[in-house]
PDB file of N, CA and C in Angstrom:
ATOM      1  N   UNK A   1       1.148  -0.977   0.049  1.00  0.00           N
ATOM      2  CA  UNK A   1      -0.206   0.275  -0.104  1.00  0.00           C
ATOM      3  C   UNK A   1       1.448   1.851   0.492  1.00  0.00           C
ATOM      4  N   UNK A   2       0.701   2.274  -0.779  1.00  0.00           N
ATOM      5  CA  UNK A   2       1.342   3.757  -0.731  1.00  0.00           C
ATOM      6  C   UNK A   2       0.807   4.527   0.338  1.00  0.00           C
ATOM      7  N   UNK A   3       1.259   5.201   1.197  1.00  0.00           N
ATOM      8  CA  UNK A   3       0.991   5.959   1.911  1.00  0.00           C
ATOM      9  C   UNK A   3       1.291   7.363   1.607  1.00  0.00           C
ATOM     10  N   UNK A   4       0.180   8.290   1.278  1.00  0.00           N
ATOM     11  CA  UNK A   4      -0.132   9.670   0.590  1.00  0.00           C
ATOM     12  C   UNK A   4      -0.695  10.817   1.414  1.00  0.00           C
ATOM     13  N   UNK A   5       0.231  11.587   2.844  1.00  0.00           N
ATOM     14  CA  UNK A   5      -0.716  12.520   3.409  1.00  0.00           C
ATOM     15  C   UNK A   5      -1.575  11.730   4.344  1.00  0.00           C
ATOM     16  N   UNK A   6      -1.196  10.519   5.150  1.00  0.00           N
ATOM     17  CA  UNK A   6      -1.050  10.449   5.865  1.00  0.00           C
ATOM     18  C   UNK A   6      -2.584   9.455   6.099  1.00  0.00           C
ATOM     19  N   UNK A   7      -3.024   8.982   4.198  1.00  0.00           N
ATOM     20  CA  UNK A   7      -4.151   8.133   4.038  1.00  0.00           C
ATOM     21  C   UNK A   7      -3.616   6.569   3.645  1.00  0.00           C
ATOM     22  N   UNK A   8      -3.793   5.774   4.058  1.00  0.00           N
ATOM     23  CA  UNK A   8      -2.853   4.263   3.278  1.00  0.00           C
ATOM     24  C   UNK A   8      -3.833   4.002   1.660  1.00  0.00           C
ATOM     25  N   UNK A   9      -3.263   4.193   1.323  1.00  0.00           N
ATOM     26  CA  UNK A   9      -3.959   3.910  -0.267  1.00  0.00           C
ATOM     27  C   UNK A   9      -4.895   2.971  -1.216  1.00  0.00           C
ATOM     28  N   UNK A  10      -6.152   1.969  -1.058  1.00  0.00           N
ATOM     29  CA  UNK A  10      -5.341   0.172  -2.085  1.00  0.00           C
ATOM     30  C   UNK A  10      -5.030   0.513  -3.530  1.00  0.00           C
ATOM     31  N   UNK A  11      -4.184  -0.597  -3.030  1.00  0.00           N
ATOM     32  CA  UNK A  11      -3.369  -0.710  -3.654  1.00  0.00           C
ATOM     33  C   UNK A  11      -3.957  -1.306  -5.484  1.00  0.00           C
ATOM     34  N   UNK A  12      -4.921  -2.660  -5.344  1.00  0.00           N
ATOM     35  CA  UNK A  12      -5.217  -2.803  -6.294  1.00  0.00           C
ATOM     36  C   UNK A  12      -6.420  -1.263  -8.142  1.00  0.00           C
ATOM     37  N   UNK A  13      -6.822   0.286  -6.264  1.00  0.00           N
ATOM     38  CA  UNK A  13      -7.090   1.014  -7.522  1.00  0.00           C
ATOM     39  C   UNK A  13      -6.647   1.833  -7.798  1.00  0.00           C
ATOM     40  N   UNK A  14      -7.022   2.471  -9.443  1.00  0.00           N
ATOM     41  CA  UNK A  14      -6.432   3.603  -9.688  1.00  0.00           C
ATOM     42  C   UNK A  14      -5.765   5.253  -8.791  1.00  0.00           C
ATOM     43  N   UNK A  15      -4.561   5.119  -9.610  1.00  0.00           N
ATOM     44  CA  UNK A  15      -4.274   5.830  -8.499  1.00  0.00           C
ATOM     45  C   UNK A  15      -5.156   7.352  -8.566  1.00  0.00           C
ATOM     46  N   UNK A  16      -6.254   8.000  -9.683  1.00  0.00           N
ATOM     47  CA  UNK A  16      -6.594   8.925  -9.914  1.00  0.00           C
ATOM     48  C   UNK A  16      -7.783   8.822  -8.661  1.00  0.00           C
ATOM     49  N   UNK A  17      -8.556   7.433  -8.739  1.00  0.00           N
ATOM     50  CA  UNK A  17      -9.359   7.029  -7.578  1.00  0.00           C
ATOM     51  C   UNK A  17      -8.876   6.968  -6.387  1.00  0.00           C
ATOM     52  N   UNK A  18      -8.307   6.078  -6.239  1.00  0.00           N
ATOM     53  CA  UNK A  18      -7.276   6.380  -5.107  1.00  0.00           C
ATOM     54  C   UNK A  18      -6.756   7.224  -4.153  1.00  0.00           C
ATOM     55  N   UNK A  19      -6.371   8.459  -4.679  1.00  0.00           N
ATOM     56  CA  UNK A  19      -6.244   9.387  -4.450  1.00  0.00           C
ATOM     57  C   UNK A  19      -7.580  10.122  -3.473  1.00  0.00           C
ATOM     58  N   UNK A  20      -9.280   9.962  -3.752  1.00  0.00           N
ATOM     59  CA  UNK A  20      -9.906  10.536  -3.317  1.00  0.00           C
ATOM     60  C   UNK A  20     -10.154  10.574  -2.569  1.00  0.00           C
ATOM     61  N   UNK A  21      -9.593   9.676  -1.562  1.00  0.00           N
ATOM     62  CA  UNK A  21      -9.666   8.498  -0.296  1.00  0.00           C
ATOM     63  C   UNK A  21      -9.406  10.012   1.123  1.00  0.00           C
ATOM     64  N   UNK A  22      -8.322  10.758  -0.255  1.00  0.00           N
ATOM     65  CA  UNK A  22      -8.019  11.141   0.851  1.00  0.00           C
ATOM     66  C   UNK A  22      -8.549  12.868   1.147  1.00  0.00           C
ATOM     67  N   UNK A  23      -8.807  13.168   2.428  1.00  0.00           N
ATOM     68  CA  UNK A  23     -10.078  14.007   2.966  1.00  0.00           C
ATOM     69  C   UNK A  23      -9.339  15.099   2.589  1.00  0.00           C
ATOM     70  N   UNK A  24     -10.378  15.621   1.094  1.00  0.00           N
ATOM     71  CA  UNK A  24      -9.658  17.369   1.010  1.00  0.00           C
ATOM     72  C   UNK A  24      -9.892  17.252  -0.907  1.00  0.00           C
ATOM     73  N   UNK A  25     -10.220  15.853  -1.672  1.00  0.00           N
ATOM     74  CA  UNK A  25      -9.004  15.357  -2.723  1.00  0.00           C
ATOM     75  C   UNK A  25     -10.080  15.076  -3.142  1.00  0.00           C
ATOM     76  N   UNK A  26     -11.291  15.288  -4.960  1.00  0.00           N
ATOM     77  CA  UNK A  26     -12.038  15.332  -5.384  1.00  0.00           C
ATOM     78  C   UNK A  26     -11.348  14.512  -6.462  1.00  0.00           C
ATOM     79  N   UNK A  27     -12.232  14.176  -7.650  1.00  0.00           N
ATOM     80  CA  UNK A  27     -11.749  13.807  -8.399  1.00  0.00           C
ATOM     81  C   UNK A  27     -10.604  14.852  -9.151  1.00  0.00           C
ATOM     82  N   UNK A  28     -11.149  16.320  -9.126  1.00  0.00           N
ATOM     83  CA  UNK A  28     -10.650  17.576 -10.064  1.00  0.00           C
ATOM     84  C   UNK A  28      -9.312  17.364  -9.584  1.00  0.00           C
ATOM     85  N   UNK A  29      -9.105  17.929  -8.385  1.00  0.00           N
ATOM     86  CA  UNK A  29      -7.279  17.069  -7.329  1.00  0.00           C
ATOM     87  C   UNK A  29      -7.189  16.893  -8.288  1.00  0.00           C
ATOM     88  N   UNK A  30      -7.600  15.694  -7.731  1.00  0.00           N
ATOM     89  CA  UNK A  30      -7.071  14.296  -8.553  1.00  0.00           C
ATOM     90  C   UNK A  30      -6.211  14.687  -9.396  1.00  0.00           C
ATOM     91  N   UNK A  31      -6.908  14.816 -10.635  1.00  0.00           N
ATOM     92  CA  UNK A  31      -6.144  14.664 -11.726  1.00  0.00           C
ATOM     93  C   UNK A  31      -4.946  15.954 -11.799  1.00  0.00           C
ATOM     94  N   UNK A  32      -5.536  16.880 -11.496  1.00  0.00           N
ATOM     95  CA  UNK A  32      -4.825  17.932 -11.453  1.00  0.00           C
ATOM     96  C   UNK A  32      -3.077  17.821 -10.508  1.00  0.00           C
ATOM     97  N   UNK A  33      -3.671  16.649 -10.056  1.00  0.00           N
ATOM     98  CA  UNK A  33      -2.168  16.908  -9.277  1.00  0.00           C
ATOM     99  C   UNK A  33      -1.448  15.535  -9.953  1.00  0.00           C
ATOM    100  N   UNK A  34      -2.205  14.033 -10.996  1.00  0.00           N
ATOM    101  CA  UNK A  34      -1.409  13.727 -12.045  1.00  0.00           C
ATOM    102  C   UNK A  34      -0.670  13.657 -12.923  1.00  0.00           C
ATOM    103  N   UNK A  35      -2.006  15.495 -13.736  1.00  0.00           N
ATOM    104  CA  UNK A  35      -0.974  15.782 -14.899  1.00  0.00           C
ATOM    105  C   UNK A  35       0.342  16.506 -14.153  1.00  0.00           C
ATOM    106  N   UNK A  36       0.058  17.619 -13.223  1.00  0.00           N
ATOM    107  CA  UNK A  36       1.470  17.436 -12.749  1.00  0.00           C
ATOM    108  C   UNK A  36       2.344  17.018 -12.232  1.00  0.00           C
ATOM    109  N   UNK A  37       2.322  16.240 -12.046  1.00  0.00           N
ATOM    110  CA  UNK A  37       3.666  14.702 -11.638  1.00  0.00           C
ATOM    111  C   UNK A  37       3.318  13.864 -12.734  1.00  0.00           C
ATOM    112  N   UNK A  38       3.084  14.707 -14.333  1.00  0.00           N
ATOM    113  CA  UNK A  38       2.569  13.805 -15.175  1.00  0.00           C
ATOM    114  C   UNK A  38       3.019  12.042 -15.112  1.00  0.00           C
ATOM    115  N   UNK A  39       1.541  11.208 -13.985  1.00  0.00           N
ATOM    116  CA  UNK A  39       1.051  10.527 -13.300  1.00  0.00           C
ATOM    117  C   UNK A  39       0.103   9.962 -14.118  1.00  0.00           C
ATOM    118  N   UNK A  40       0.532   8.412 -14.977  1.00  0.00           N
ATOM    119  CA  UNK A  40      -0.714   7.826 -15.596  1.00  0.00           C
ATOM    120  C   UNK A  40      -2.499   7.781 -14.719  1.00  0.00           C
ATOM    121  N   UNK A  41      -3.255   7.749 -14.984  1.00  0.00           N
ATOM    122  CA  UNK A  41      -4.463   8.173 -14.290  1.00  0.00           C
ATOM    123  C   UNK A  41      -5.090   7.432 -13.881  1.00  0.00           C
ATOM    124  N   UNK A  42      -4.469   5.690 -14.960  1.00  0.00           N
ATOM    125  CA  UNK A  42      -4.358   4.988 -15.060  1.00  0.00           C
ATOM    126  C   UNK A  42      -3.757   3.990 -14.581  1.00  0.00           C
ATOM    127  N   UNK A  43      -2.601   4.335 -13.512  1.00  0.00           N
ATOM    128  CA  UNK A  43      -1.616   3.161 -13.812  1.00  0.00           C
ATOM    129  C   UNK A  43      -1.951   2.647 -11.935  1.00  0.00           C
ATOM    130  N   UNK A  44      -2.583   1.685 -11.372  1.00  0.00           N
ATOM    131  CA  UNK A  44      -3.075   0.763 -10.262  1.00  0.00           C
ATOM    132  C   UNK A  44      -1.811   1.559  -8.952  1.00  0.00           C
ATOM    133  N   UNK A  45      -2.712   1.886  -8.267  1.00  0.00           N
ATOM    134  CA  UNK A  45      -1.620   2.506  -6.683  1.00  0.00           C
ATOM    135  C   UNK A  45      -0.508   1.211  -6.634  1.00  0.00           C
ATOM    136  N   UNK A  46      -0.344  -0.196  -6.509  1.00  0.00           N
ATOM    137  CA  UNK A  46       0.520  -0.825  -5.842  1.00  0.00           C
ATOM    138  C   UNK A  46       1.502  -1.497  -7.685  1.00  0.00           C
ATOM    139  N   UNK A  47       1.238  -0.267  -8.642  1.00  0.00           N
ATOM    140  CA  UNK A  47       2.527  -0.467  -9.355  1.00  0.00           C
ATOM    141  C   UNK A  47       2.615   0.995  -9.591  1.00  0.00           C
ATOM    142  N   UNK A  48       2.548   1.637  -9.113  1.00  0.00           N
ATOM    143  CA  UNK A  48       3.612   3.086  -8.634  1.00  0.00           C
ATOM    144  C   UNK A  48       5.069   2.549  -8.652  1.00  0.00           C
ATOM    145  N   UNK A  49       6.032   3.500  -8.611  1.00  0.00           N
ATOM    146  CA  UNK A  49       7.023   3.922  -8.592  1.00  0.00           C
ATOM    147  C   UNK A  49       7.498   4.559  -7.266  1.00  0.00           C
ATOM    148  N   UNK A  50       8.346   4.457  -6.944  1.00  0.00           N
ATOM    149  CA  UNK A  50       8.616   4.918  -5.135  1.00  0.00           C
ATOM    150  C   UNK A  50       8.849   6.715  -5.810  1.00  0.00           C
ATOM    151  N   UNK A  51       9.671   6.811  -6.565  1.00  0.00           N
ATOM    152  CA  UNK A  51       9.411   8.005  -7.091  1.00  0.00           C
ATOM    153  C   UNK A  51       8.512   8.483  -7.045  1.00  0.00           C
ATOM    154  N   UNK A  52       7.654   8.630  -8.386  1.00  0.00           N
ATOM    155  CA  UNK A  52       6.095   8.983  -8.443  1.00  0.00           C
ATOM    156  C   UNK A  52       5.340   8.737  -7.068  1.00  0.00           C
ATOM    157  N   UNK A  53       5.674   7.983  -6.147  1.00  0.00           N
ATOM    158  CA  UNK A  53       4.705   8.199  -4.843  1.00  0.00           C
ATOM    159  C   UNK A  53       5.497   9.363  -4.390  1.00  0.00           C
ATOM    160  N   UNK A  54       6.707   9.868  -4.264  1.00  0.00           N
ATOM    161  CA  UNK A  54       7.348  11.514  -3.921  1.00  0.00           C
ATOM    162  C   UNK A  54       7.234  12.368  -4.673  1.00  0.00           C
ATOM    163  N   UNK A  55       6.804  12.094  -5.169  1.00  0.00           N
ATOM    164  CA  UNK A  55       6.387  13.077  -6.025  1.00  0.00           C
ATOM    165  C   UNK A  55       5.232  13.635  -5.990  1.00  0.00           C
ATOM    166  N   UNK A  56       4.089  13.133  -5.771  1.00  0.00           N
ATOM    167  CA  UNK A  56       2.602  12.157  -5.782  1.00  0.00           C
ATOM    168  C   UNK A  56       2.609  13.851  -4.288  1.00  0.00           C
ATOM    169  N   UNK A  57       3.304  12.866  -3.102  1.00  0.00           N
ATOM    170  CA  UNK A  57       3.195  13.786  -2.347  1.00  0.00           C
ATOM    171  C   UNK A  57       4.179  15.237  -1.896  1.00  0.00           C
ATOM    172  N   UNK A  58       4.725  15.249  -2.296  1.00  0.00           N
ATOM    173  CA  UNK A  58       5.417  16.945  -2.482  1.00  0.00           C
ATOM    174  C   UNK A  58       4.642  18.162  -2.383  1.00  0.00           C
ATOM    175  N   UNK A  59       3.678  17.621  -3.739  1.00  0.00           N
ATOM    176  CA  UNK A  59       2.611  18.254  -4.540  1.00  0.00           C
ATOM    177  C   UNK A  59       1.359  18.439  -3.273  1.00  0.00           C
ATOM    178  N   UNK A  60       1.339  17.655  -2.894  1.00  0.00           N
ATOM    179  CA  UNK A  60      -0.392  17.691  -2.382  1.00  0.00           C
ATOM    180  C   UNK A  60       0.429  18.008  -1.117  1.00  0.00           C
ATOM    181  N   UNK A  61       1.595  18.399  -0.402  1.00  0.00           N
ATOM    182  CA  UNK A  61       2.221  18.567   1.126  1.00  0.00           C
ATOM    183  C   UNK A  61       2.503  20.084   0.386  1.00  0.00           C
ATOM    184  N   UNK A  62       2.456  21.030  -0.766  1.00  0.00           N
ATOM    185  CA  UNK A  62       3.282  22.349  -1.531  1.00  0.00           C
ATOM    186  C   UNK A  62       2.286  22.675  -1.707  1.00  0.00           C
ATOM    187  N   UNK A  63       1.195  22.055  -2.258  1.00  0.00           N
ATOM    188  CA  UNK A  63       0.215  23.065  -2.719  1.00  0.00           C
ATOM    189  C   UNK A  63      -1.500  22.871  -2.156  1.00  0.00           C
ATOM    190  N   UNK A  64      -2.081  21.696  -0.791  1.00  0.00           N
ATOM    191  CA  UNK A  64      -2.829  21.964  -0.920  1.00  0.00           C
ATOM    192  C   UNK A  64      -2.645  21.404   0.312  1.00  0.00           C
ATOM    193  N   UNK A  65      -4.554  21.952   1.769  1.00  0.00           N
ATOM    194  CA  UNK A  65      -4.381  21.092   2.261  1.00  0.00           C
ATOM    195  C   UNK A  65      -5.951  20.496   2.419  1.00  0.00           C
ATOM    196  N   UNK A  66      -5.021  19.129   3.632  1.00  0.00           N
ATOM    197  CA  UNK A  66      -5.460  18.259   3.015  1.00  0.00           C
ATOM    198  C   UNK A  66      -5.910  17.225   4.450  1.00  0.00           C
ATOM    199  N   UNK A  67      -6.459  16.477   4.928  1.00  0.00           N
ATOM    200  CA  UNK A  67      -7.048  15.105   6.291  1.00  0.00           C
ATOM    201  C   UNK A  67      -6.540  16.565   7.612  1.00  0.00           C
ATOM    202  N   UNK A  68      -6.428  15.916   8.581  1.00  0.00           N
ATOM    203  CA  UNK A  68      -6.075  16.825   9.814  1.00  0.00           C
ATOM    204  C   UNK A  68      -6.358  17.859   9.664  1.00  0.00           C
ATOM    205  N   UNK A  69      -5.309  19.325   8.964  1.00  0.00           N
ATOM    206  CA  UNK A  69      -5.181  20.447   8.380  1.00  0.00           C
ATOM    207  C   UNK A  69      -6.274  20.961   8.172  1.00  0.00           C
ATOM    208  N   UNK A  70      -7.340  20.553   7.184  1.00  0.00           N
ATOM    209  CA  UNK A  70      -8.700  21.019   6.235  1.00  0.00           C
ATOM    210  C   UNK A  70      -9.482  20.715   7.755  1.00  0.00           C
ATOM    211  N   UNK A  71      -9.185  19.758   7.834  1.00  0.00           N
ATOM    212  CA  UNK A  71     -10.383  19.358   9.338  1.00  0.00           C
ATOM    213  C   UNK A  71     -10.314  19.922  10.610  1.00  0.00           C
ATOM    214  N   UNK A  72      -8.944  20.508  11.368  1.00  0.00           N
ATOM    215  CA  UNK A  72      -9.438  21.750  11.678  1.00  0.00           C
ATOM    216  C   UNK A  72      -9.754  22.914  11.429  1.00  0.00           C
ATOM    217  N   UNK A  73      -9.192  24.053  10.202  1.00  0.00           N
ATOM    218  CA  UNK A  73     -10.164  24.313   9.561  1.00  0.00           C
ATOM    219  C   UNK A  73     -11.101  24.664   9.725  1.00  0.00           C
ATOM    220  N   UNK A  74     -11.963  23.498   9.104  1.00  0.00           N
ATOM    221  CA  UNK A  74     -13.455  23.320   9.024  1.00  0.00           C
ATOM    222  C   UNK A  74     -13.821  23.721   9.886  1.00  0.00           C
ATOM    223  N   UNK A  75     -14.128  22.678  11.408  1.00  0.00           N
ATOM    224  CA  UNK A  75     -14.435  22.721  12.210  1.00  0.00           C
ATOM    225  C   UNK A  75     -13.717  24.714  13.102  1.00  0.00           C
ATOM    226  N   UNK A  76     -12.694  25.206  13.209  1.00  0.00           N
ATOM    227  CA  UNK A  76     -12.361  25.876  13.955  1.00  0.00           C
ATOM    228  C   UNK A  76     -13.126  26.904  12.865  1.00  0.00           C
ATOM    229  N   UNK A  77     -13.982  26.513  11.564  1.00  0.00           N
ATOM    230  CA  UNK A  77     -14.984  27.889  10.571  1.00  0.00           C
ATOM    231  C   UNK A  77     -15.973  27.858  11.519  1.00  0.00           C
ATOM    232  N   UNK A  78     -16.741  27.148  11.883  1.00  0.00           N
ATOM    233  CA  UNK A  78     -17.920  26.555  12.141  1.00  0.00           C
ATOM    234  C   UNK A  78     -17.366  27.290  13.739  1.00  0.00           C
ATOM    235  N   UNK A  79     -16.678  26.530  15.038  1.00  0.00           N
ATOM    236  CA  UNK A  79     -16.831  27.520  16.129  1.00  0.00           C
ATOM    237  C   UNK A  79     -17.144  29.067  15.690  1.00  0.00           C
ATOM    238  N   UNK A  80     -15.878  29.137  14.775  1.00  0.00           N
ATOM    239  CA  UNK A  80     -16.002  31.247  14.696  1.00  0.00           C
ATOM    240  C   UNK A  80     -17.064  30.959  14.889  1.00  0.00           C
ATOM    241  N   UNK A  81     -18.234  31.068  14.011  1.00  0.00           N
ATOM    242  CA  UNK A  81     -18.789  31.714  13.985  1.00  0.00           C
ATOM    243  C   UNK A  81     -20.394  31.773  15.311  1.00  0.00           C
ATOM    244  N   UNK A  82     -19.874  29.888  15.170  1.00  0.00           N
ATOM    245  CA  UNK A  82     -20.617  29.885  16.723  1.00  0.00           C
ATOM    246  C   UNK A  82     -20.642  30.310  17.978  1.00  0.00           C
ATOM    247  N   UNK A  83     -19.410  31.136  17.921  1.00  0.00           N
ATOM    248  CA  UNK A  83     -18.670  32.008  19.217  1.00  0.00           C
ATOM    249  C   UNK A  83     -19.319  33.383  18.983  1.00  0.00           C
ATOM    250  N   UNK A  84     -20.035  34.194  17.685  1.00  0.00           N
ATOM    251  CA  UNK A  84     -20.103  35.261  17.499  1.00  0.00           C
ATOM    252  C   UNK A  84     -21.597  34.811  17.652  1.00  0.00           C
ATOM    253  N   UNK A  85     -21.756  34.288  17.072  1.00  0.00           N
ATOM    254  CA  UNK A  85     -23.859  33.583  17.797  1.00  0.00           C
ATOM    255  C   UNK A  85     -24.084  34.256  16.292  1.00  0.00           C
ATOM    256  N   UNK A  86     -23.792  33.881  14.867  1.00  0.00           N
ATOM    257  CA  UNK A  86     -24.275  34.072  13.744  1.00  0.00           C
ATOM    258  C   UNK A  86     -25.389  33.232  13.073  1.00  0.00           C
ATOM    259  N   UNK A  87     -25.522  33.663  12.497  1.00  0.00           N
ATOM    260  CA  UNK A  87     -26.927  32.704  11.729  1.00  0.00           C
ATOM    261  C   UNK A  87     -25.845  31.367  11.308  1.00  0.00           C
ATOM    262  N   UNK A  88     -25.882  32.318  10.648  1.00  0.00           N
ATOM    263  CA  UNK A  88     -25.099  31.171   9.547  1.00  0.00           C
ATOM    264  C   UNK A  88     -24.365  30.099  10.259  1.00  0.00           C
ATOM    265  N   UNK A  89     -24.628  28.618   9.982  1.00  0.00           N
ATOM    266  CA  UNK A  89     -23.390  27.712  10.332  1.00  0.00           C
ATOM    267  C   UNK A  89     -23.843  27.244  11.986  1.00  0.00           C
ATOM    268  N   UNK A  90     -25.253  27.708  12.338  1.00  0.00           N
ATOM    269  CA  UNK A  90     -25.137  27.452  13.730  1.00  0.00           C
ATOM    270  C   UNK A  90     -27.230  26.609  13.271  1.00  0.00           C
ATOM    271  N   UNK A  91     -27.488  26.984  12.930  1.00  0.00           N
ATOM    272  CA  UNK A  91     -28.799  26.411  12.764  1.00  0.00           C
ATOM    273  C   UNK A  91     -28.454  24.873  13.437  1.00  0.00           C
ATOM    274  N   UNK A  92     -29.345  24.418  11.165  1.00  0.00           N
ATOM    275  CA  UNK A  92     -29.384  22.464  10.843  1.00  0.00           C
ATOM    276  C   UNK A  92     -28.356  21.948  10.840  1.00  0.00           C
ATOM    277  N   UNK A  93     -27.083  22.977  10.607  1.00  0.00           N
ATOM    278  CA  UNK A  93     -26.257  22.766   9.496  1.00  0.00           C
ATOM    279  C   UNK A  93     -25.242  22.275  10.309  1.00  0.00           C
ATOM    280  N   UNK A  94     -24.999  22.327  11.730  1.00  0.00           N
ATOM    281  CA  UNK A  94     -24.460  22.308  12.071  1.00  0.00           C
ATOM    282  C   UNK A  94     -24.259  21.505  13.890  1.00  0.00           C
ATOM    283  N   UNK A  95     -25.350  20.495  13.851  1.00  0.00           N
ATOM    284  CA  UNK A  95     -26.479  19.412  14.852  1.00  0.00           C
ATOM    285  C   UNK A  95     -25.225  18.769  15.455  1.00  0.00           C
ATOM    286  N   UNK A  96     -24.629  18.547  14.746  1.00  0.00           N
ATOM    287  CA  UNK A  96     -22.820  17.293  14.388  1.00  0.00           C
ATOM    288  C   UNK A  96     -22.924  17.937  15.569  1.00  0.00           C
ATOM    289  N   UNK A  97     -22.789  19.352  15.724  1.00  0.00           N
ATOM    290  CA  UNK A  97     -21.157  19.823  16.215  1.00  0.00           C
ATOM    291  C   UNK A  97     -21.108  21.166  17.618  1.00  0.00           C
ATOM    292  N   UNK A  98     -22.452  21.038  17.429  1.00  0.00           N
ATOM    293  CA  UNK A  98     -23.229  21.368  19.044  1.00  0.00           C
ATOM    294  C   UNK A  98     -23.695  19.772  19.469  1.00  0.00           C
ATOM    295  N   UNK A  99     -24.394  19.235  19.561  1.00  0.00           N
ATOM    296  CA  UNK A  99     -25.380  18.220  19.781  1.00  0.00           C
ATOM    297  C   UNK A  99     -26.568  18.538  20.122  1.00  0.00           C
ATOM    298  N   UNK A 100     -27.769  17.642  20.833  1.00  0.00           N
ATOM    299  CA  UNK A 100     -29.430  18.226  20.806  1.00  0.00           C
ATOM    300  C   UNK A 100     -29.478  18.945  20.355  1.00  0.00           C
ATOM    301  N   UNK A 101     -30.835  19.345  20.336  1.00  0.00           N
ATOM    302  CA  UNK A 101     -31.298  21.444  20.190  1.00  0.00           C
ATOM    303  C   UNK A 101     -31.665  20.793  21.555  1.00  0.00           C
ATOM    304  N   UNK A 102     -31.593  21.985  22.384  1.00  0.00           N
ATOM    305  CA  UNK A 102     -31.582  22.290  23.238  1.00  0.00           C
ATOM    306  C   UNK A 102     -33.186  22.847  24.118  1.00  0.00           C
ATOM    307  N   UNK A 103     -33.972  22.116  23.979  1.00  0.00           N
ATOM    308  CA  UNK A 103     -35.669  22.765  24.369  1.00  0.00           C
ATOM    309  C   UNK A 103     -35.555  24.209  24.761  1.00  0.00           C
ATOM    310  N   UNK A 104     -36.402  25.207  25.192  1.00  0.00           N
ATOM    311  CA  UNK A 104     -37.364  25.098  25.705  1.00  0.00           C
ATOM    312  C   UNK A 104     -38.150  25.245  27.491  1.00  0.00           C
ATOM    313  N   UNK A 105     -38.680  25.402  27.571  1.00  0.00           N
ATOM    314  CA  UNK A 105     -39.019  23.833  28.902  1.00  0.00           C
ATOM    315  C   UNK A 105     -40.025  24.819  28.683  1.00  0.00           C
ATOM    316  N   UNK A 106     -41.267  24.335  29.077  1.00  0.00           N
ATOM    317  CA  UNK A 106     -42.170  25.691  28.945  1.00  0.00           C
ATOM    318  C   UNK A 106     -43.174  24.913  30.577  1.00  0.00           C
ATOM    319  N   UNK A 107     -43.905  26.117  31.520  1.00  0.00           N
ATOM    320  CA  UNK A 107     -44.404  25.911  32.433  1.00  0.00           C
ATOM    321  C   UNK A 107     -45.101  25.612  32.611  1.00  0.00           C
ATOM    322  N   UNK A 108     -46.219  24.446  32.907  1.00  0.00           N
ATOM    323  CA  UNK A 108     -47.681  24.015  32.939  1.00  0.00           C
ATOM    324  C   UNK A 108     -48.162  25.250  33.948  1.00  0.00           C
ATOM    325  N   UNK A 109     -49.423  24.884  33.591  1.00  0.00           N
ATOM    326  CA  UNK A 109     -50.795  26.413  34.477  1.00  0.00           C
ATOM    327  C   UNK A 109     -51.017  25.422  35.435  1.00  0.00           C
ATOM    328  N   UNK A 110     -51.108  26.126  36.544  1.00  0.00           N
ATOM    329  CA  UNK A 110     -51.990  25.454  37.153  1.00  0.00           C
ATOM    330  C   UNK A 110     -53.451  26.192  37.675  1.00  0.00           C
ATOM    331  N   UNK A 111     -54.048  25.097  38.126  1.00  0.00           N
ATOM    332  CA  UNK A 111     -55.745  25.148  37.572  1.00  0.00           C
ATOM    333  C   UNK A 111     -55.980  25.381  39.668  1.00  0.00           C
TER     334      UNK A 111
END
């Protein structure tokens, strides 16, 4: 298995698809990285040479935010919005980070 950006890529996948296993890299970025390194997209991960793996790894490290750094940036952005009580990022689309909804307690009228 080739280890790129802290992720073990499946050895039988094409490298174009294998790179998308890295958080923050989709098909478009994968194709861009491969064209920059001049690696054919149809090459299987197990058939990559050490030199090609190093080229891919250096381009990803140099040009892109992936995995832990990207996750941290996203969560910090959401946290910033929550801290300033902004509508954006705090209503329904941040439920997983904020936890369950806090329901207002209603008082019952006594007769």
